[in-house]
Amino acid sequence: MKYITTLVNLEQLNNSSSFYVAGNKKYSLKLPAYFDVNIVEKYENLYISVNKIFHNDELIDLENYLKYLKNKKIRGIFFSDFAVFSICARLNMLDLLIYDPNTLITNYKELEFFEGKIKGVVISPFISLEELKEFKSDKLELFFLGNGRINLFYSKRKLIGNYCKYHEIDDSFKTNDLLLKEELRPDCYYPIIEDENGTFVYSPYIYSCLDLANELSNIDYLLIDLVYDKKFIKGDNLGFLNRNIVYRKGDLK
């Protein structure tokens, strides 16, 4: 098993034996920092995030960007929009693609669709340990969140800015260290971030399965996501991993 960390600053790249995820804000979401597209000219061992949902008027620029990446020494491209898949199919780049739909891949049978087509798949963190161990593939690299906050909600709308505008509030307080307080659970605070790509809400806890790494021999890479905290903080929450499966097909009478 190997580890991949989201890139916060270029100093991290001095450790050339490690793998990192980097991206440009024009094509990427949910990263702790964004970098010029030419970062791939200077550094290797990079995975590139192209995980935005693209509008039709962005597709020509997207294709030009993917053409640029094609001949660079990158390890892979994380994507969630199948426009990226379609363009990469035309460009003979499917062997670089890693499908990352955030929380959608929860059934090991879904791997069959991607096997022989792309490089890898990111499995949802909303899954039990029992189910996670069922994910196995000789034709795909499997990725899973190892440590970090889980993205619970995303909207392309500027929700904090719109709230301020509606209530005629000065929005100069907007920073990336804001928290949403849940009404019914007074000690529950959700980090919320707004940037040019929209609004993101993250889990109030830092999730981690690093202590279970020895049990996850079927997983090729664990992702270390620094998106909100900007530094590594070992999580103490197993999320859904320690939940029992509620039901399975065939169990119901």
Protein backbone atom coordinates (compact mmCIF):
# COMPACT_ATOMS: atom_id res chain seq x y z
CA MET A 1 0.00 0.00 0.00
CA LYS A 2 1.12 3.54 -0.81
CA TYR A 3 0.03 6.97 0.38
CA ILE A 4 -0.96 10.06 -1.63
CA THR A 5 -1.23 13.51 -0.04
CA THR A 6 -3.02 16.59 -1.33
CA LEU A 7 -0.43 19.28 -2.01
CA VAL A 8 -0.40 22.36 0.24
CA ASN A 9 2.90 23.94 -0.81
CA LEU A 10 5.82 23.27 -3.11
CA GLU A 11 8.14 22.51 -0.19
CA GLN A 12 6.38 19.17 0.17
CA LEU A 13 7.75 18.18 -3.23
CA ASN A 14 11.29 18.12 -1.90
CA ASN A 15 10.44 14.60 -0.75
CA SER A 16 10.51 13.05 -4.20
CA SER A 17 9.71 9.58 -2.88
CA SER A 18 6.16 10.62 -1.97
CA PHE A 19 3.09 11.05 -4.16
CA TYR A 20 0.93 14.18 -4.21
CA VAL A 21 -2.33 15.44 -5.71
CA ALA A 22 -2.16 18.91 -7.23
CA GLY A 23 -4.52 20.96 -9.34
CA ASN A 24 -5.33 24.30 -10.90
CA LYS A 25 -8.39 26.20 -9.65
CA LYS A 26 -9.74 26.41 -13.20
CA TYR A 27 -10.09 22.62 -13.39
CA SER A 28 -10.03 21.39 -9.78
CA LEU A 29 -12.10 21.42 -6.60
CA LYS A 30 -11.62 20.52 -2.95
CA LEU A 31 -7.87 21.01 -2.71
CA PRO A 32 -5.97 22.78 0.10
CA ALA A 33 -4.11 24.93 -2.48
CA TYR A 34 -4.04 25.49 -6.23
CA PHE A 35 -1.04 25.76 -8.53
CA ASP A 36 -0.12 26.91 -12.02
CA VAL A 37 -0.74 24.35 -14.73
CA ASN A 38 2.99 24.26 -15.46
CA ILE A 39 3.71 22.55 -12.13
CA VAL A 40 3.89 19.34 -14.18
CA GLU A 41 6.90 20.75 -16.05
CA LYS A 42 8.95 21.02 -12.87
CA TYR A 43 7.91 18.08 -10.74
CA GLU A 44 7.19 14.40 -11.13
CA ASN A 45 5.30 11.94 -8.88
CA LEU A 46 2.21 14.12 -9.21
CA TYR A 47 -1.38 13.13 -9.64
CA ILE A 48 -3.45 15.90 -11.21
CA SER A 49 -6.98 16.66 -10.12
CA VAL A 50 -9.44 17.56 -12.90
CA ASN A 51 -12.52 16.97 -10.78
CA LYS A 52 -14.78 19.93 -11.60
CA ILE A 53 -18.19 19.52 -13.24
CA PHE A 54 -17.73 21.34 -16.54
CA HIS A 55 -20.19 23.43 -18.54
CA ASN A 56 -20.40 23.10 -22.31
CA ASP A 57 -18.59 26.38 -22.89
CA GLU A 58 -15.61 25.06 -20.89
CA LEU A 59 -15.08 21.86 -22.87
CA ILE A 60 -12.74 23.24 -25.54
CA ASP A 61 -10.44 24.67 -22.88
CA LEU A 62 -10.70 21.41 -20.92
CA GLU A 63 -9.64 19.41 -23.97
CA ASN A 64 -6.66 21.68 -24.55
CA TYR A 65 -5.63 21.20 -20.92
CA LEU A 66 -5.90 17.42 -21.17
CA LYS A 67 -3.84 17.48 -24.38
CA TYR A 68 -1.22 19.44 -22.48
CA LEU A 69 -1.18 16.84 -19.69
CA LYS A 70 -1.00 13.89 -22.08
CA ASN A 71 2.73 14.02 -22.66
CA LYS A 72 3.74 15.08 -19.16
CA LYS A 73 5.22 12.75 -16.55
CA ILE A 74 2.17 12.52 -14.32
CA ARG A 75 0.98 9.43 -12.44
CA GLY A 76 -2.72 9.89 -13.02
CA ILE A 77 -5.71 12.21 -13.37
CA PHE A 78 -8.53 12.24 -10.83
CA PHE A 79 -11.89 13.07 -12.44
CA SER A 80 -15.60 13.02 -11.65
CA ASP A 81 -17.21 14.47 -14.80
CA PHE A 82 -17.61 11.98 -17.64
CA ALA A 83 -16.84 14.77 -20.09
CA VAL A 84 -13.24 14.17 -18.98
CA PHE A 85 -13.66 10.46 -19.74
CA SER A 86 -15.08 11.17 -23.22
CA ILE A 87 -12.30 13.58 -24.14
CA CYS A 88 -9.59 11.28 -22.80
CA ALA A 89 -11.06 8.39 -24.80
CA ARG A 90 -10.54 10.44 -27.98
CA LEU A 91 -7.04 11.39 -26.87
CA ASN A 92 -5.97 7.85 -25.92
CA MET A 93 -5.53 8.87 -22.27
CA LEU A 94 -7.89 6.53 -20.45
CA ASP A 95 -4.95 4.72 -18.85
CA LEU A 96 -4.33 7.86 -16.74
CA LEU A 97 -7.87 8.28 -15.39
CA ILE A 98 -8.94 7.66 -11.79
CA TYR A 99 -12.69 7.99 -11.22
CA ASP A 100 -13.46 9.93 -8.03
CA PRO A 101 -17.20 10.65 -7.59
CA ASN A 102 -16.71 11.41 -3.89
CA THR A 103 -19.30 9.15 -2.22
CA LEU A 104 -20.90 7.16 -5.07
CA ILE A 105 -18.75 4.01 -5.31
CA THR A 106 -20.21 1.89 -2.50
CA ASN A 107 -20.62 -1.50 -4.21
CA TYR A 108 -17.74 -3.69 -5.37
CA LYS A 109 -19.77 -4.77 -8.42
CA GLU A 110 -19.41 -1.23 -9.77
CA LEU A 111 -15.74 -1.96 -10.44
CA GLU A 112 -16.72 -4.26 -13.30
CA PHE A 113 -17.84 -1.31 -15.43
CA PHE A 114 -14.43 0.38 -15.15
CA GLU A 115 -12.13 -2.63 -15.38
CA GLY A 116 -10.04 -2.56 -18.53
CA LYS A 117 -11.09 1.02 -19.27
CA ILE A 118 -9.32 3.33 -16.80
CA LYS A 119 -6.46 3.33 -14.28
CA GLY A 120 -8.35 3.35 -11.00
CA VAL A 121 -11.37 4.16 -8.84
CA VAL A 122 -11.80 5.99 -5.51
CA ILE A 123 -14.11 4.09 -3.15
CA SER A 124 -16.65 5.99 -1.04
CA PRO A 125 -15.71 6.57 2.63
CA PHE A 126 -19.37 5.90 3.50
CA ILE A 127 -18.87 2.18 3.69
CA SER A 128 -18.31 -0.46 6.37
CA LEU A 129 -14.99 -2.21 6.82
CA GLU A 130 -16.66 -5.52 5.92
CA GLU A 131 -17.88 -4.09 2.61
CA LEU A 132 -14.59 -2.33 1.88
CA LYS A 133 -12.70 -5.62 2.06
CA GLU A 134 -14.91 -6.97 -0.73
CA PHE A 135 -13.42 -4.49 -3.22
CA LYS A 136 -10.79 -6.33 -5.24
CA SER A 137 -9.54 -5.92 -8.78
CA ASP A 138 -6.57 -7.06 -10.82
CA LYS A 139 -7.40 -4.50 -13.51
CA LEU A 140 -7.88 -1.34 -11.44
CA GLU A 141 -5.90 0.53 -8.82
CA LEU A 142 -8.12 1.10 -5.78
CA PHE A 143 -7.98 4.34 -3.77
CA PHE A 144 -9.56 5.11 -0.40
CA LEU A 145 -9.56 8.05 2.01
CA GLY A 146 -6.95 7.33 4.66
CA ASN A 147 -7.08 10.52 6.72
CA GLY A 148 -8.89 13.83 6.43
CA ARG A 149 -12.26 15.54 6.46
CA ILE A 150 -15.06 14.12 4.32
CA ASN A 151 -16.78 16.48 1.90
CA LEU A 152 -20.46 16.24 2.85
CA PHE A 153 -21.94 18.90 0.58
CA TYR A 154 -20.99 20.92 -2.47
CA SER A 155 -22.86 23.59 -4.43
CA LYS A 156 -21.65 25.72 -7.31
CA ARG A 157 -23.61 28.58 -5.73
CA LYS A 158 -21.88 31.12 -3.48
CA LEU A 159 -24.08 30.32 -0.50
CA ILE A 160 -22.29 32.44 2.10
CA GLY A 161 -22.13 35.42 -0.24
CA ASN A 162 -25.78 35.01 -1.23
CA TYR A 163 -26.80 34.78 2.44
CA CYS A 164 -24.98 38.02 3.20
CA LYS A 165 -26.50 39.71 0.18
CA TYR A 166 -30.04 38.62 1.07
CA HIS A 167 -29.71 39.77 4.68
CA GLU A 168 -27.74 42.90 3.70
CA ILE A 169 -24.77 41.83 5.81
CA ASP A 170 -21.21 42.95 5.16
CA ASP A 171 -19.42 39.84 3.86
CA SER A 172 -15.92 40.97 4.81
CA PHE A 173 -15.93 38.28 7.53
CA LYS A 174 -15.72 35.56 4.86
CA THR A 175 -12.65 33.43 5.44
CA ASN A 176 -11.84 29.77 5.10
CA ASP A 177 -12.07 29.07 8.83
CA LEU A 178 -15.84 29.43 9.18
CA LEU A 179 -17.99 26.79 10.89
CA LEU A 180 -21.67 25.87 10.64
CA LYS A 181 -23.24 25.12 14.01
CA GLU A 182 -25.90 22.42 14.00
CA GLU A 183 -29.07 23.48 15.77
CA LEU A 184 -29.99 20.15 17.40
CA ARG A 185 -26.46 19.08 18.35
CA PRO A 186 -24.83 22.08 20.04
CA ASP A 187 -21.30 20.67 19.97
CA CYS A 188 -21.35 19.82 16.27
CA TYR A 189 -19.56 22.30 13.97
CA TYR A 190 -19.12 21.79 10.23
CA PRO A 191 -16.27 23.55 8.41
CA ILE A 192 -17.61 25.56 5.46
CA ILE A 193 -15.54 27.03 2.63
CA GLU A 194 -16.61 29.32 -0.20
CA ASP A 195 -14.37 30.08 -3.16
CA GLU A 196 -14.76 30.94 -6.84
CA ASN A 197 -16.00 27.42 -7.56
CA GLY A 198 -18.80 27.40 -4.98
CA THR A 199 -19.46 26.31 -1.41
CA PHE A 200 -18.18 23.23 0.42
CA VAL A 201 -19.21 21.73 3.76
CA TYR A 202 -16.99 19.16 5.49
CA SER A 203 -17.38 16.65 8.28
CA PRO A 204 -17.00 18.03 11.81
CA TYR A 205 -14.52 15.27 12.58
CA ILE A 206 -11.23 14.20 11.00
CA TYR A 207 -11.70 10.72 9.63
CA SER A 208 -8.86 8.19 9.68
CA CYS A 209 -8.40 4.51 8.87
CA LEU A 210 -4.60 4.61 9.04
CA ASP A 211 -4.56 2.23 12.02
CA LEU A 212 -6.41 -0.32 9.86
CA ALA A 213 -3.96 -0.12 6.95
CA ASN A 214 -2.69 -3.65 7.59
CA GLU A 215 -6.22 -4.99 7.13
CA LEU A 216 -6.66 -3.24 3.78
CA SER A 217 -4.35 -5.27 1.58
CA ASN A 218 -6.91 -4.96 -1.23
CA ILE A 219 -6.47 -1.17 -1.35
CA ASP A 220 -3.54 0.15 -3.40
CA TYR A 221 -3.47 3.77 -2.19
CA LEU A 222 -4.69 5.65 0.87
CA LEU A 223 -5.40 9.35 0.33
CA ILE A 224 -4.26 11.88 2.94
CA ASP A 225 -6.49 14.92 2.42
CA LEU A 226 -5.39 18.22 3.95
CA VAL A 227 -8.13 20.27 2.31
CA TYR A 228 -9.43 22.15 5.38
CA ASP A 229 -6.77 21.85 8.05
CA LYS A 230 -3.81 22.44 5.65
CA LYS A 231 -1.62 20.18 7.76
CA PHE A 232 -1.63 16.56 8.81
CA ILE A 233 -3.74 15.94 11.91
CA LYS A 234 -4.27 12.30 12.76
CA GLY A 235 -7.99 11.64 12.83
CA ASP A 236 -9.74 9.66 15.56
CA ASN A 237 -13.03 8.87 13.81
CA LEU A 238 -13.67 5.72 11.76
CA GLY A 239 -16.83 7.11 10.19
CA PHE A 240 -18.85 4.28 8.67
CA LEU A 241 -16.06 1.70 8.84
CA ASN A 242 -17.10 0.45 12.25
CA ARG A 243 -20.81 0.30 11.38
CA ASN A 244 -22.59 -2.97 10.92
CA ILE A 245 -24.20 -3.62 7.55
CA VAL A 246 -27.93 -2.99 7.90
CA TYR A 247 -29.00 -5.47 5.24
CA ARG A 248 -27.85 -7.33 2.20
CA LYS A 249 -29.74 -8.57 -0.82
CA GLY A 250 -31.02 -12.00 0.11
CA ASP A 251 -31.11 -11.31 3.84
CA LEU A 252 -34.62 -9.87 3.75
CA LYS A 253 -37.46 -12.37 4.17
